[in-house]
Each structure stands twice: as structure tokens, then as C-alpha cells.
Amino acid sequence: MVDKKTIDNAIKGDHKSERHLYEALCKPLFMLCLRYLKNQEDSEDVLTLSFLKVFQSLSGFEYQGPGSLEAWARKITVNECLMCLRKQKRSPMMVEPDENSSLEEGGIFDKLSADELFVLILQLPEGYRTVFNLYEIEGYTHHEIATKLNIRVGTSKSQLSKAKAYLRELIRKNGGNNASKII
């Protein structure tokens, strides 16, 4: 966590405070980049661009309590990830790998560790992964996702549903809840 005093000092150009801010945010933002881009080199590039924007815009940041800086930086990073996908001309939508995936509900995801879920998310096709990350992890609404990705709300809902079904199928195919078998 980064406190308000450290943020204020970083805005004033204090290098020690800037370094503290970077160290506090680097790992979670890098993991966020990996969830969207899957490729380490692309993730490192986007992380660098994200930090540039964070530091350039820091004076406009409004502190709203512990965790607000990370939430703000995450939004910047998500936007940079989406811009990277667009620049690569890789459309993150409309992947149809298996129409026969079961849509059964249940707590199958609740039994997974964060690391196991991360490994599974990386196995998703890009369109599924993008919507799943935005909705389930970042907390965006389908309307917000549709706006960000220039798709219809129904497409966002469909992609999320298919992503969950795809994840369930990956879990079933690889021995129940042991996601570590999937690599």
C-alpha cells in the first residue's frame, strides 16, 4: 500500500517516493498485463507505458483512501493492454472453440487457488480472456466492456458465458480441480 504522503512526495518529484510507488505497484500491474497479453515481452512493454502514464498523470490523481492509487493505476494499465491488443490488430472477440461446452453452474472456481486460476485464464482464447478479465477480475459492467471493446453488450455477455464454460471444460479435462496439470 502506498500512503498519501508518499504519493504527494512523488508528485513533487521525490525519487525515493517514486521508487516506493513503483515497487508497490510493479508486480500486481505486471500480472495484470500477463492476464491480458499472455506474452512476457508485450506485458513488459505495456507495463512501462502504463507507468509512464501513471507518473505523468499522478498530479491529477485524487486520493480516496488506501488502495485507491492501485485501483487508478489498474485502470490505466487495463486501457494500455486493450490498446496493445488493438495495435496488434488482434481482435479480442468472436472466438468459438467449442459450442458443446457445458454451462453447468457450481462452485468449481471457488476451489481453485489464485495461481491455478491464473494458469487457466492464460489458456483462454484472447476474446474470452479479455472479457473474463474485465468483468470478473476488474469489475467492469457489460455496458462498460462493450464501450471499451467496441462490441455489443450481448457479445460481452456471450463471451463471458463461453469463457466460464471453457474454463469448466479445461478443469474437467485435466482432473477436476487440479489446474496445475494444465501447462
Protein backbone atom coordinates (compact mmCIF):
# COMPACT_ATOMS: atom_id res chain seq x y z
CA MET A 1 0.00 0.00 0.00
CA VAL A 2 1.12 3.48 -0.79
CA ASP A 3 0.11 6.22 1.63
CA LYS A 4 -0.99 9.74 0.72
CA LYS A 5 2.26 11.31 1.91
CA THR A 6 4.31 9.08 -0.41
CA ILE A 7 2.01 9.97 -3.33
CA ASP A 8 2.28 13.69 -2.55
CA ASN A 9 6.07 13.43 -2.37
CA ALA A 10 6.16 11.52 -5.67
CA ILE A 11 4.11 14.29 -7.28
CA LYS A 12 6.76 16.75 -6.09
CA GLY A 13 9.44 14.65 -7.80
CA ASP A 14 10.91 12.88 -4.77
CA HIS A 15 12.77 9.94 -6.31
CA LYS A 16 12.60 7.78 -3.19
CA SER A 17 8.80 8.14 -3.10
CA GLU A 18 8.56 7.44 -6.84
CA ARG A 19 10.63 4.30 -6.33
CA HIS A 20 8.40 3.19 -3.44
CA LEU A 21 5.32 3.73 -5.59
CA TYR A 22 6.87 1.75 -8.45
CA GLU A 23 7.88 -1.14 -6.18
CA ALA A 24 4.41 -1.32 -4.63
CA LEU A 25 2.63 -1.42 -7.99
CA CYS A 26 5.06 -3.24 -10.27
CA LYS A 27 4.18 -6.86 -9.54
CA PRO A 28 0.37 -6.55 -9.45
CA LEU A 29 0.35 -4.46 -12.63
CA PHE A 30 2.70 -6.85 -14.41
CA MET A 31 0.49 -9.81 -13.50
CA LEU A 32 -2.49 -7.84 -14.82
CA CYS A 33 -0.65 -7.31 -18.12
CA LEU A 34 0.15 -11.01 -18.37
CA ARG A 35 -3.52 -11.91 -17.88
CA TYR A 36 -4.48 -9.83 -20.91
CA LEU A 37 -1.48 -10.21 -23.20
CA LYS A 38 -0.10 -13.62 -22.20
CA ASN A 39 3.30 -12.70 -23.69
CA GLN A 40 6.04 -11.52 -21.32
CA GLU A 41 7.65 -9.09 -23.77
CA ASP A 42 4.34 -7.41 -24.63
CA SER A 43 3.47 -7.31 -20.93
CA GLU A 44 6.76 -5.62 -20.05
CA ASP A 45 6.26 -3.04 -22.82
CA VAL A 46 2.72 -2.26 -21.69
CA LEU A 47 3.83 -2.09 -18.06
CA THR A 48 6.43 0.51 -19.00
CA LEU A 49 3.87 2.56 -20.92
CA SER A 50 1.45 2.25 -18.02
CA PHE A 51 3.98 3.54 -15.51
CA LEU A 52 4.83 6.44 -17.80
CA LYS A 53 1.14 7.40 -17.88
CA VAL A 54 0.77 6.86 -14.12
CA PHE A 55 3.68 9.17 -13.33
CA GLN A 56 2.67 11.75 -15.96
CA SER A 57 -0.90 11.85 -14.63
CA LEU A 58 -0.11 11.50 -10.93
CA SER A 59 -0.73 15.17 -10.22
CA GLY A 60 -4.34 14.68 -11.35
CA PHE A 61 -4.88 11.63 -9.12
CA GLU A 62 -7.39 12.11 -6.29
CA TYR A 63 -6.50 10.09 -3.21
CA GLN A 64 -9.60 8.34 -1.85
CA GLY A 65 -8.05 6.12 0.76
CA PRO A 66 -5.85 3.04 0.89
CA GLY A 67 -5.87 1.11 -2.36
CA SER A 68 -7.19 3.97 -4.46
CA LEU A 69 -3.84 4.51 -6.19
CA GLU A 70 -3.61 0.85 -7.20
CA ALA A 71 -7.20 0.88 -8.49
CA TRP A 72 -6.46 4.00 -10.52
CA ALA A 73 -3.21 2.54 -11.88
CA ARG A 74 -5.02 -0.71 -12.76
CA LYS A 75 -7.50 1.21 -14.93
CA ILE A 76 -4.65 2.90 -16.77
CA THR A 77 -2.94 -0.46 -17.25
CA VAL A 78 -6.09 -2.21 -18.48
CA ASN A 79 -6.56 0.54 -21.05
CA GLU A 80 -2.95 0.17 -22.17
CA CYS A 81 -3.42 -3.61 -22.51
CA LEU A 82 -6.51 -3.10 -24.66
CA MET A 83 -4.67 -0.54 -26.80
CA CYS A 84 -1.84 -3.04 -27.30
CA LEU A 85 -4.31 -5.68 -28.48
CA ARG A 86 -5.83 -3.18 -30.91
CA LYS A 87 -2.43 -2.10 -32.26
CA GLN A 88 -1.52 -5.71 -32.91
CA LYS A 89 -4.75 -5.91 -34.91
CA ARG A 90 -5.75 -8.90 -32.87
CA SER A 91 -9.46 -8.63 -32.40
CA PRO A 92 -10.27 -9.93 -28.94
CA MET A 93 -13.76 -11.07 -29.87
CA MET A 94 -15.66 -13.86 -31.54
CA VAL A 95 -13.70 -16.99 -30.72
CA GLU A 96 -15.80 -20.14 -30.97
CA PRO A 97 -13.58 -23.09 -29.98
CA ASP A 98 -16.27 -25.42 -28.66
CA GLU A 99 -20.01 -24.90 -28.87
CA ASN A 100 -20.62 -28.10 -26.88
CA SER A 101 -19.07 -26.85 -23.64
CA SER A 102 -21.35 -27.40 -20.71
CA LEU A 103 -22.74 -24.35 -18.96
CA GLU A 104 -23.34 -26.11 -15.66
CA GLU A 105 -23.21 -23.82 -12.66
CA GLY A 106 -21.41 -24.56 -9.47
CA GLY A 107 -18.55 -23.57 -7.23
CA ILE A 108 -15.87 -25.17 -9.36
CA PHE A 109 -13.87 -21.92 -9.50
CA ASP A 110 -14.15 -21.40 -5.74
CA LYS A 111 -11.98 -24.48 -5.16
CA LEU A 112 -9.07 -23.11 -7.19
CA SER A 113 -6.14 -21.18 -5.82
CA ALA A 114 -5.31 -17.80 -7.37
CA ASP A 115 -2.29 -19.35 -9.10
CA GLU A 116 -4.38 -22.18 -10.55
CA LEU A 117 -6.99 -19.74 -11.82
CA PHE A 118 -4.25 -17.58 -13.36
CA VAL A 119 -2.90 -20.61 -15.27
CA LEU A 120 -6.40 -21.40 -16.51
CA ILE A 121 -7.11 -17.82 -17.59
CA LEU A 122 -3.97 -17.89 -19.74
CA GLN A 123 -5.41 -20.92 -21.56
CA LEU A 124 -8.49 -18.97 -22.69
CA PRO A 125 -8.73 -17.72 -26.26
CA GLU A 126 -7.99 -14.00 -26.40
CA GLY A 127 -11.60 -12.77 -26.70
CA TYR A 128 -12.80 -14.90 -23.80
CA ARG A 129 -9.79 -13.91 -21.70
CA THR A 130 -10.31 -10.21 -22.33
CA VAL A 131 -13.97 -10.15 -21.34
CA PHE A 132 -13.42 -12.53 -18.40
CA ASN A 133 -10.64 -10.30 -17.03
CA LEU A 134 -12.63 -7.09 -17.49
CA TYR A 135 -15.83 -8.44 -15.94
CA GLU A 136 -14.77 -10.96 -13.28
CA ILE A 137 -11.48 -9.51 -12.14
CA GLU A 138 -11.59 -5.79 -12.91
CA GLY A 139 -15.30 -5.40 -12.13
CA TYR A 140 -16.42 -3.63 -15.30
CA THR A 141 -20.07 -3.92 -16.33
CA HIS A 142 -21.06 -5.43 -19.67
CA HIS A 143 -22.01 -1.96 -20.88
CA GLU A 144 -18.53 -0.62 -19.98
CA ILE A 145 -16.86 -3.61 -21.64
CA ALA A 146 -18.93 -3.14 -24.79
CA THR A 147 -17.89 0.50 -24.93
CA LYS A 148 -14.18 -0.23 -24.33
CA LEU A 149 -14.04 -3.03 -26.90
CA ASN A 150 -16.47 -1.52 -29.41
CA ILE A 151 -18.79 -4.51 -29.28
CA ARG A 152 -22.44 -5.07 -28.34
CA VAL A 153 -23.46 -5.73 -24.73
CA GLY A 154 -24.83 -9.11 -25.82
CA THR A 155 -21.45 -10.04 -27.26
CA SER A 156 -19.79 -9.23 -23.95
CA LYS A 157 -22.29 -11.40 -22.07
CA SER A 158 -21.88 -14.22 -24.56
CA GLN A 159 -18.08 -14.11 -24.39
CA LEU A 160 -18.18 -14.21 -20.59
CA SER A 161 -20.53 -17.17 -20.58
CA LYS A 162 -18.37 -19.01 -23.09
CA ALA A 163 -15.21 -18.17 -21.13
CA LYS A 164 -16.66 -19.71 -17.99
CA ALA A 165 -17.80 -22.79 -19.89
CA TYR A 166 -14.36 -23.10 -21.48
CA LEU A 167 -12.69 -22.85 -18.06
CA ARG A 168 -15.00 -25.52 -16.64
CA GLU A 169 -14.15 -27.79 -19.56
CA LEU A 170 -10.42 -27.24 -19.03
CA ILE A 171 -10.82 -28.18 -15.37
CA ARG A 172 -12.84 -31.30 -16.16
CA LYS A 173 -10.43 -32.46 -18.87
CA ASN A 174 -7.47 -32.10 -16.52
CA GLY A 175 -8.57 -33.96 -13.46
CA GLY A 176 -11.14 -31.97 -11.57
CA ASN A 177 -9.76 -29.01 -9.70
CA ASN A 178 -6.07 -29.59 -10.28
CA ALA A 179 -5.24 -26.77 -12.67
CA SER A 180 -1.52 -27.31 -12.20
CA LYS A 181 -1.77 -30.17 -14.73
CA ILE A 182 -2.62 -27.60 -17.40
CA ILE A 183 0.51 -26.03 -18.82
